[in-house]
Amino acid sequence: ALGSRARCVVRLFPRGSSARPRPPWVAPSLAAVLVVTTAVDVVGNLLVVLSVLTNRRLRNAGNLFLVSLALADLVVAFYPYPLTLLAIFYDGWALGEAHCKASAFVMGLSVIGSVFNITAIAINRYCYICHSVAYHRICRHWHVPVYISLIWLLTLVALVPNFFVGSLEYDPRIYSCTFIQTASAQYTMAVVVIHFLLPIAVVIFCYLRIWVLVLQARRKAKSENKLCIRPSDVRSFLTMFVVFVIFAICWAPLNCIGLVVAINPEQMAPQIPEGLFVTSYFLAYFNSCLNAIIYGLLNQNFRREYKRILSSLWTPQRCFQEASKGSHTEGLQSQALPVVNALTPSRQRDSNLV
């Protein structure tokens, strides 16, 4: 049995990887990072979901994108991360190839789903601020669930080629079943460009256009000597902008390595320092627990709702009383930018949309 398991582990090693012994502190350190990430991921993202679903002020069409993004972060905490912890404990993959493929698939589902949701949030903001007339036709309240369903459908379609390329395998360097960059140079290049660089370019374009309108509104407010910018509006926009920036920072190193490896997998892959590769992967893993923290730090409405939910764990009666009143918090008002305040009352009514 031990021999068959050893053969299974060896067979699952990706091309270009090594199984050299590492210092004894490496595995405990990686396990500690993963335990913290998983715990914060579960607690934080469940708070986000509960905040939106239980508070009538937060339960608007735009905030459904935040719920979708939170679910993308949650799925890895319930399946791939625990399996990775087991692999660290056993110093190898002991759960068979089926779990390996499934774990890698769920990991890809989370990553690509996060990218597509962040892109959708940026496009939603861009349309609302820069094309307000068309926005109210193409993004009604009942349209958002359709768009979210389309995001996850595209995510599933994007993962299908992995099964034909054979790029979902166990990598002993990170104790994880994941996308193997050396499986196909062309496919790795396509993944980095389509699943990272292109969405990042779209998000940057959208947010740059919004920033231009924000600055124009500021100058107009000063020239007309009247205040049309609320601090809460700017903070709400900055919240989601920071989410995007943190995501790009956490995933950029791994995607840069992917681009380098795609140039010539046989020559470039062995030259990537193992420490750099492992650090880039666990930095990317760590991103799944950060969004909920960012909401709490930068948005007082989510922060108040977090406190209400946590306090309700000890005083359930108070929770039901507050829920019946609908609470007094407001949703993320990131769409209510200075341009919105300077325009029409009808757009003011939609300012709580994400």
Protein backbone atom coordinates (compact mmCIF):
# COMPACT_ATOMS: atom_id res chain seq x y z
CA ALA A 1 0.00 0.00 0.00
CA LEU A 2 2.81 2.38 0.88
CA GLY A 3 4.58 1.53 -2.35
CA SER A 4 1.50 2.19 -4.45
CA ARG A 5 0.94 5.49 -2.68
CA ALA A 6 4.54 6.49 -3.28
CA ARG A 7 4.20 5.65 -6.97
CA CYS A 8 1.03 7.76 -7.10
CA VAL A 9 2.78 10.73 -5.54
CA VAL A 10 5.76 10.47 -7.86
CA ARG A 11 3.52 10.16 -10.89
CA LEU A 12 1.70 13.33 -9.91
CA PHE A 13 4.89 15.39 -9.75
CA PRO A 14 4.79 18.07 -12.49
CA ARG A 15 7.40 18.33 -15.18
CA GLY A 16 10.30 20.55 -14.19
CA SER A 17 9.65 20.24 -10.43
CA SER A 18 12.00 18.86 -7.86
CA ALA A 19 11.54 16.93 -4.65
CA ARG A 20 14.69 18.14 -2.93
CA PRO A 21 14.58 18.17 0.88
CA ARG A 22 13.85 21.56 2.40
CA PRO A 23 14.67 23.09 5.81
CA PRO A 24 12.44 21.69 8.59
CA TRP A 25 10.83 25.09 9.26
CA VAL A 26 9.36 25.45 5.76
CA ALA A 27 6.42 23.04 6.11
CA PRO A 28 5.25 24.39 9.51
CA SER A 29 5.51 27.96 8.21
CA LEU A 30 3.44 27.19 5.11
CA ALA A 31 0.90 25.34 7.24
CA ALA A 32 0.61 28.30 9.63
CA VAL A 33 0.04 30.71 6.75
CA LEU A 34 -2.61 28.43 5.29
CA VAL A 35 -4.41 27.93 8.62
CA VAL A 36 -4.60 31.70 9.20
CA THR A 37 -5.69 32.30 5.61
CA THR A 38 -8.41 29.65 5.82
CA ALA A 39 -9.78 30.88 9.15
CA VAL A 40 -9.90 34.54 8.11
CA ASP A 41 -11.26 33.55 4.69
CA VAL A 42 -14.21 31.64 6.18
CA VAL A 43 -15.08 34.15 8.91
CA GLY A 44 -14.56 37.27 6.80
CA ASN A 45 -16.38 36.19 3.67
CA LEU A 46 -19.28 34.68 5.61
CA LEU A 47 -19.61 38.08 7.29
CA VAL A 48 -19.73 39.73 3.87
CA VAL A 49 -22.43 37.36 2.61
CA LEU A 50 -24.51 37.66 5.80
CA SER A 51 -24.12 41.45 5.84
CA VAL A 52 -25.57 41.78 2.35
CA LEU A 53 -28.30 39.16 2.72
CA THR A 54 -29.58 40.13 6.17
CA ASN A 55 -29.47 43.93 5.88
CA ARG A 56 -32.11 45.48 3.64
CA ARG A 57 -29.97 48.56 3.00
CA LEU A 58 -27.06 46.42 1.85
CA ARG A 59 -29.24 43.99 -0.07
CA ASN A 60 -29.19 45.81 -3.43
CA ALA A 61 -28.43 44.72 -6.97
CA GLY A 62 -24.88 46.02 -7.06
CA ASN A 63 -23.82 44.35 -3.82
CA LEU A 64 -24.69 40.98 -5.31
CA PHE A 65 -21.35 41.21 -7.12
CA LEU A 66 -19.66 41.40 -3.71
CA VAL A 67 -21.50 38.26 -2.62
CA SER A 68 -20.34 36.50 -5.79
CA LEU A 69 -16.75 37.60 -5.14
CA ALA A 70 -16.99 36.41 -1.53
CA LEU A 71 -18.26 33.00 -2.67
CA ALA A 72 -15.29 32.74 -5.05
CA ASP A 73 -12.99 33.22 -2.06
CA LEU A 74 -14.96 30.87 0.17
CA VAL A 75 -14.84 27.78 -2.05
CA VAL A 76 -11.07 27.39 -1.68
CA ALA A 77 -11.31 27.51 2.10
CA PHE A 78 -13.71 24.55 2.18
CA TYR A 79 -11.90 22.17 -0.18
CA PRO A 80 -8.44 22.88 -1.69
CA TYR A 81 -6.89 24.52 1.38
CA PRO A 82 -7.70 21.65 3.80
CA LEU A 83 -6.33 19.16 1.28
CA THR A 84 -3.15 21.21 0.98
CA LEU A 85 -2.80 21.12 4.77
CA LEU A 86 -3.10 17.33 4.64
CA ALA A 87 -0.41 17.20 1.96
CA ILE A 88 1.89 19.28 4.18
CA PHE A 89 1.17 16.96 7.11
CA TYR A 90 1.90 13.79 5.09
CA ASP A 91 4.70 15.45 3.07
CA GLY A 92 2.98 14.38 -0.16
CA TRP A 93 -0.37 13.86 -1.79
CA ALA A 94 -2.15 10.85 -0.30
CA LEU A 95 -5.75 11.33 -1.47
CA GLY A 96 -5.56 9.98 -5.00
CA GLU A 97 -5.72 11.50 -8.44
CA ALA A 98 -9.47 12.17 -8.44
CA HIS A 99 -9.22 14.48 -5.42
CA CYS A 100 -6.13 16.05 -6.95
CA LYS A 101 -7.96 16.97 -10.17
CA ALA A 102 -11.02 18.15 -8.23
CA SER A 103 -8.92 20.27 -5.89
CA ALA A 104 -7.06 21.91 -8.75
CA PHE A 105 -10.35 22.52 -10.57
CA VAL A 106 -11.92 24.24 -7.54
CA MET A 107 -8.77 26.31 -7.10
CA GLY A 108 -9.01 27.46 -10.71
CA LEU A 109 -12.73 28.12 -10.26
CA SER A 110 -11.96 30.46 -7.38
CA VAL A 111 -9.12 32.29 -9.10
CA ILE A 112 -10.80 32.87 -12.45
CA GLY A 113 -14.13 33.58 -10.75
CA SER A 114 -12.45 36.27 -8.64
CA VAL A 115 -10.82 37.86 -11.68
CA PHE A 116 -14.07 37.91 -13.64
CA ASN A 117 -16.07 39.27 -10.69
CA ILE A 118 -13.57 42.07 -10.05
CA THR A 119 -13.70 42.90 -13.76
CA ALA A 120 -17.50 42.90 -13.70
CA ILE A 121 -17.54 45.27 -10.71
CA ALA A 122 -15.23 47.68 -12.53
CA ILE A 123 -17.33 47.56 -15.71
CA ASN A 124 -20.48 48.10 -13.64
CA ARG A 125 -18.97 51.24 -12.11
CA TYR A 126 -17.71 52.51 -15.44
CA CYS A 127 -21.11 52.14 -17.09
CA TYR A 128 -22.89 53.77 -14.16
CA ILE A 129 -20.60 56.81 -13.99
CA CYS A 130 -19.60 57.29 -17.61
CA HIS A 131 -22.70 56.02 -19.44
CA SER A 132 -25.53 56.62 -16.98
CA VAL A 133 -28.34 56.71 -19.55
CA ALA A 134 -27.44 53.31 -21.01
CA TYR A 135 -26.71 51.90 -17.54
CA HIS A 136 -30.32 52.08 -16.38
CA ARG A 137 -31.38 50.09 -19.44
CA ILE A 138 -28.74 47.36 -19.30
CA CYS A 139 -28.35 46.93 -15.53
CA ARG A 140 -31.75 46.75 -13.90
CA HIS A 141 -32.15 45.01 -10.57
CA TRP A 142 -33.11 41.64 -12.09
CA HIS A 143 -30.26 41.83 -14.65
CA VAL A 144 -27.51 41.44 -12.04
CA PRO A 145 -28.23 37.77 -11.18
CA VAL A 146 -28.16 37.04 -14.90
CA TYR A 147 -24.77 38.75 -15.26
CA ILE A 148 -23.40 36.87 -12.25
CA SER A 149 -24.62 33.57 -13.69
CA LEU A 150 -22.87 34.47 -16.95
CA ILE A 151 -19.64 35.20 -15.05
CA TRP A 152 -19.63 31.74 -13.49
CA LEU A 153 -20.58 30.08 -16.77
CA LEU A 154 -17.61 31.76 -18.47
CA THR A 155 -15.44 30.67 -15.54
CA LEU A 156 -16.43 27.04 -16.05
CA VAL A 157 -15.81 27.29 -19.80
CA ALA A 158 -12.38 28.81 -19.17
CA LEU A 159 -11.38 25.80 -17.05
CA VAL A 160 -12.38 23.10 -19.55
CA PRO A 161 -9.15 23.24 -21.65
CA ASN A 162 -7.12 22.21 -18.59
CA PHE A 163 -8.47 18.68 -18.86
CA PHE A 164 -7.29 18.39 -22.47
CA VAL A 165 -3.87 19.92 -21.84
CA GLY A 166 -3.27 17.86 -18.69
CA SER A 167 -2.22 20.90 -16.68
CA LEU A 168 -3.92 20.02 -13.37
CA GLU A 169 -1.39 18.08 -11.31
CA TYR A 170 0.25 17.90 -7.90
CA ASP A 171 3.21 20.20 -7.32
CA PRO A 172 5.33 19.09 -4.32
CA ARG A 173 6.92 22.52 -4.00
CA ILE A 174 3.63 24.03 -2.81
CA TYR A 175 1.96 20.82 -1.55
CA SER A 176 -0.98 21.60 -3.82
CA CYS A 177 -2.77 20.26 -6.85
CA THR A 178 -2.88 23.24 -9.16
CA PHE A 179 -2.28 24.56 -12.66
CA ILE A 180 1.13 23.41 -13.88
CA GLN A 181 2.87 26.14 -15.86
CA THR A 182 5.22 23.72 -17.64
CA ALA A 183 2.44 21.58 -19.12
CA SER A 184 2.19 23.70 -22.28
CA ALA A 185 4.02 26.92 -23.10
CA GLN A 186 1.30 28.14 -25.45
CA TYR A 187 -1.50 27.36 -23.02
CA THR A 188 0.33 28.98 -20.09
CA MET A 189 0.80 32.13 -22.15
CA ALA A 190 -2.89 32.13 -23.08
CA VAL A 191 -3.94 31.65 -19.44
CA VAL A 192 -1.82 34.55 -18.19
CA VAL A 193 -2.97 36.88 -20.98
CA ILE A 194 -6.69 35.99 -21.02
CA HIS A 195 -7.23 35.29 -17.32
CA PHE A 196 -5.00 38.00 -15.84
CA LEU A 197 -3.48 40.63 -18.14
CA LEU A 198 -6.59 41.31 -20.24
CA PRO A 199 -8.98 41.61 -17.25
CA ILE A 200 -6.44 43.79 -15.42
CA ALA A 201 -6.22 46.07 -18.48
CA VAL A 202 -10.03 46.36 -18.60
CA VAL A 203 -10.22 47.20 -14.88
CA ILE A 204 -7.43 49.78 -15.16
CA PHE A 205 -9.22 51.46 -18.08
CA CYS A 206 -12.52 51.58 -16.18
CA TYR A 207 -11.03 52.99 -13.00
CA LEU A 208 -8.86 55.52 -14.84
CA ARG A 209 -11.96 56.85 -16.60
CA ILE A 210 -13.77 57.10 -13.27
CA TRP A 211 -10.81 58.88 -11.67
CA VAL A 212 -10.80 61.42 -14.50
CA LEU A 213 -14.47 62.19 -13.85
CA VAL A 214 -13.82 62.39 -10.10
CA LEU A 215 -11.06 64.96 -10.62
CA GLN A 216 -13.19 66.92 -13.08
CA ALA A 217 -16.03 67.00 -10.55
CA ARG A 218 -13.65 68.21 -7.83
CA ARG A 219 -12.42 71.08 -10.01
CA LYS A 220 -15.97 71.98 -10.99
CA ALA A 221 -17.05 72.00 -7.35
CA LYS A 222 -14.23 74.38 -6.45
CA SER A 223 -14.87 76.72 -9.39
CA GLU A 224 -18.59 76.92 -8.54
CA ASN A 225 -17.71 77.34 -4.87
CA LYS A 226 -20.05 74.60 -3.66
CA LEU A 227 -19.52 71.16 -2.18
CA CYS A 228 -20.80 68.26 -4.28
CA ILE A 229 -18.47 65.53 -2.97
CA ARG A 230 -19.34 63.52 0.11
CA PRO A 231 -16.45 61.83 1.94
CA SER A 232 -18.46 58.57 2.11
CA ASP A 233 -18.70 58.55 -1.69
CA VAL A 234 -14.95 58.72 -2.15
CA ARG A 235 -14.30 56.16 0.59
CA SER A 236 -16.73 53.69 -0.97
CA PHE A 237 -15.11 53.99 -4.38
CA LEU A 238 -11.65 53.65 -2.84
CA THR A 239 -12.75 50.45 -1.09
CA MET A 240 -13.28 48.54 -4.31
CA PHE A 241 -10.30 50.19 -5.96
CA VAL A 242 -8.10 48.93 -3.11
CA VAL A 243 -9.61 45.44 -3.53
CA PHE A 244 -8.47 45.48 -7.15
CA VAL A 245 -4.98 46.80 -6.34
CA ILE A 246 -4.41 44.20 -3.60
CA PHE A 247 -5.59 41.43 -5.91
CA ALA A 248 -3.20 42.57 -8.66
CA ILE A 249 -0.29 42.76 -6.21
CA CYS A 250 -0.95 39.29 -4.78
CA TRP A 251 -1.32 37.57 -8.14
CA ALA A 252 1.22 39.53 -10.22
CA PRO A 253 4.35 37.59 -9.07
CA LEU A 254 2.87 34.19 -9.95
CA ASN A 255 1.64 35.39 -13.34
CA CYS A 256 5.01 37.00 -14.10
CA ILE A 257 6.65 33.65 -13.35
CA GLY A 258 4.12 32.04 -15.70
CA LEU A 259 5.09 34.41 -18.50
CA VAL A 260 8.78 33.70 -17.97
CA VAL A 261 8.21 29.93 -17.91
CA ALA A 262 6.03 30.11 -21.04
CA ILE A 263 8.95 31.51 -23.03
CA ASN A 264 10.87 28.25 -22.72
CA PRO A 265 9.56 25.81 -20.08
CA GLU A 266 12.49 23.37 -20.26
CA GLN A 267 15.14 26.06 -19.76
CA MET A 268 13.37 28.73 -17.71
CA ALA A 269 11.44 26.59 -15.19
CA PRO A 270 14.57 25.16 -13.47
CA GLN A 271 15.99 28.69 -13.15
CA ILE A 272 13.05 29.98 -11.07
CA PRO A 273 14.16 29.95 -7.41
CA GLU A 274 11.98 27.56 -5.45
CA GLY A 275 11.62 30.07 -2.61
CA LEU A 276 10.31 32.70 -5.00
CA PHE A 277 7.88 30.26 -6.57
CA VAL A 278 6.51 29.06 -3.21
CA THR A 279 6.23 32.61 -1.86
CA SER A 280 4.34 33.78 -4.95
CA TYR A 281 1.87 30.92 -4.64
CA PHE A 282 1.13 31.42 -0.95
CA LEU A 283 0.89 35.19 -1.49
CA ALA A 284 -1.79 34.44 -4.07
CA TYR A 285 -3.51 32.06 -1.65
CA PHE A 286 -3.45 34.75 1.05
CA ASN A 287 -5.45 37.12 -1.15
CA SER A 288 -8.63 35.08 -0.60
CA CYS A 289 -8.94 36.37 2.97
CA LEU A 290 -8.19 40.05 2.35
CA ASN A 291 -11.35 41.42 0.70
CA ALA A 292 -13.55 41.14 3.78
CA ILE A 293 -10.83 42.86 5.85
CA ILE A 294 -10.65 45.70 3.33
CA TYR A 295 -14.43 46.21 3.48
CA GLY A 296 -14.29 46.37 7.28
CA LEU A 297 -11.34 48.76 7.39
CA LEU A 298 -12.46 51.19 4.69
CA ASN A 299 -16.26 51.03 4.76
CA GLN A 300 -18.02 51.96 8.00
CA ASN A 301 -21.33 50.45 6.84
CA PHE A 302 -19.82 46.98 6.51
CA ARG A 303 -17.86 47.53 9.71
CA ARG A 304 -21.06 48.29 11.64
CA GLU A 305 -22.78 45.27 10.10
CA TYR A 306 -19.83 43.02 11.04
CA LYS A 307 -20.16 44.18 14.65
CA ARG A 308 -23.91 43.61 14.63
CA ILE A 309 -23.56 40.06 13.30
CA LEU A 310 -20.74 39.15 15.70
CA SER A 311 -22.61 40.58 18.68
CA SER A 312 -25.71 38.61 17.64
CA LEU A 313 -23.78 35.40 18.23
CA TRP A 314 -23.95 36.18 21.93
CA THR A 315 -27.29 38.03 21.91
CA PRO A 316 -29.52 36.40 19.26
CA GLN A 317 -32.62 38.33 20.41
CA ARG A 318 -30.93 41.61 19.63
CA CYS A 319 -30.06 40.32 16.16
CA PHE A 320 -33.71 39.59 15.36
CA GLN A 321 -34.78 42.99 16.67
CA GLU A 322 -32.25 44.82 14.52
CA ALA A 323 -33.03 42.70 11.49
CA SER A 324 -36.74 43.55 11.81
CA LYS A 325 -35.89 47.24 11.80
CA GLY A 326 -33.74 46.76 8.71
CA SER A 327 -30.81 48.31 10.53
CA HIS A 328 -29.61 51.84 9.86
CA THR A 329 -26.59 51.01 7.78
CA GLU A 330 -26.30 51.81 4.12
CA GLY A 331 -24.89 49.75 1.28
CA LEU A 332 -21.63 50.29 -0.48
CA GLN A 333 -22.08 53.67 -2.18
CA SER A 334 -19.15 53.43 -4.50
CA GLN A 335 -21.26 54.43 -7.51
CA ALA A 336 -22.24 57.70 -5.83
CA LEU A 337 -19.15 59.51 -7.00
CA PRO A 338 -18.84 63.29 -7.28
CA VAL A 339 -20.13 63.14 -10.85
CA VAL A 340 -23.30 61.49 -9.59
CA ASN A 341 -23.84 64.12 -6.91
CA ALA A 342 -23.39 66.87 -9.44
CA LEU A 343 -26.01 65.42 -11.77
CA THR A 344 -29.61 64.30 -11.40
CA PRO A 345 -31.69 63.19 -8.39
CA SER A 346 -32.59 59.95 -10.17
CA ARG A 347 -28.98 58.85 -10.09
CA GLN A 348 -28.78 59.87 -6.44
CA ARG A 349 -31.42 57.24 -5.67
CA ASP A 350 -29.18 54.55 -7.18
CA SER A 351 -26.09 55.65 -5.26
CA ASN A 352 -26.13 52.58 -3.03
CA LEU A 353 -25.39 50.30 -5.97
CA VAL A 354 -21.98 48.76 -6.34
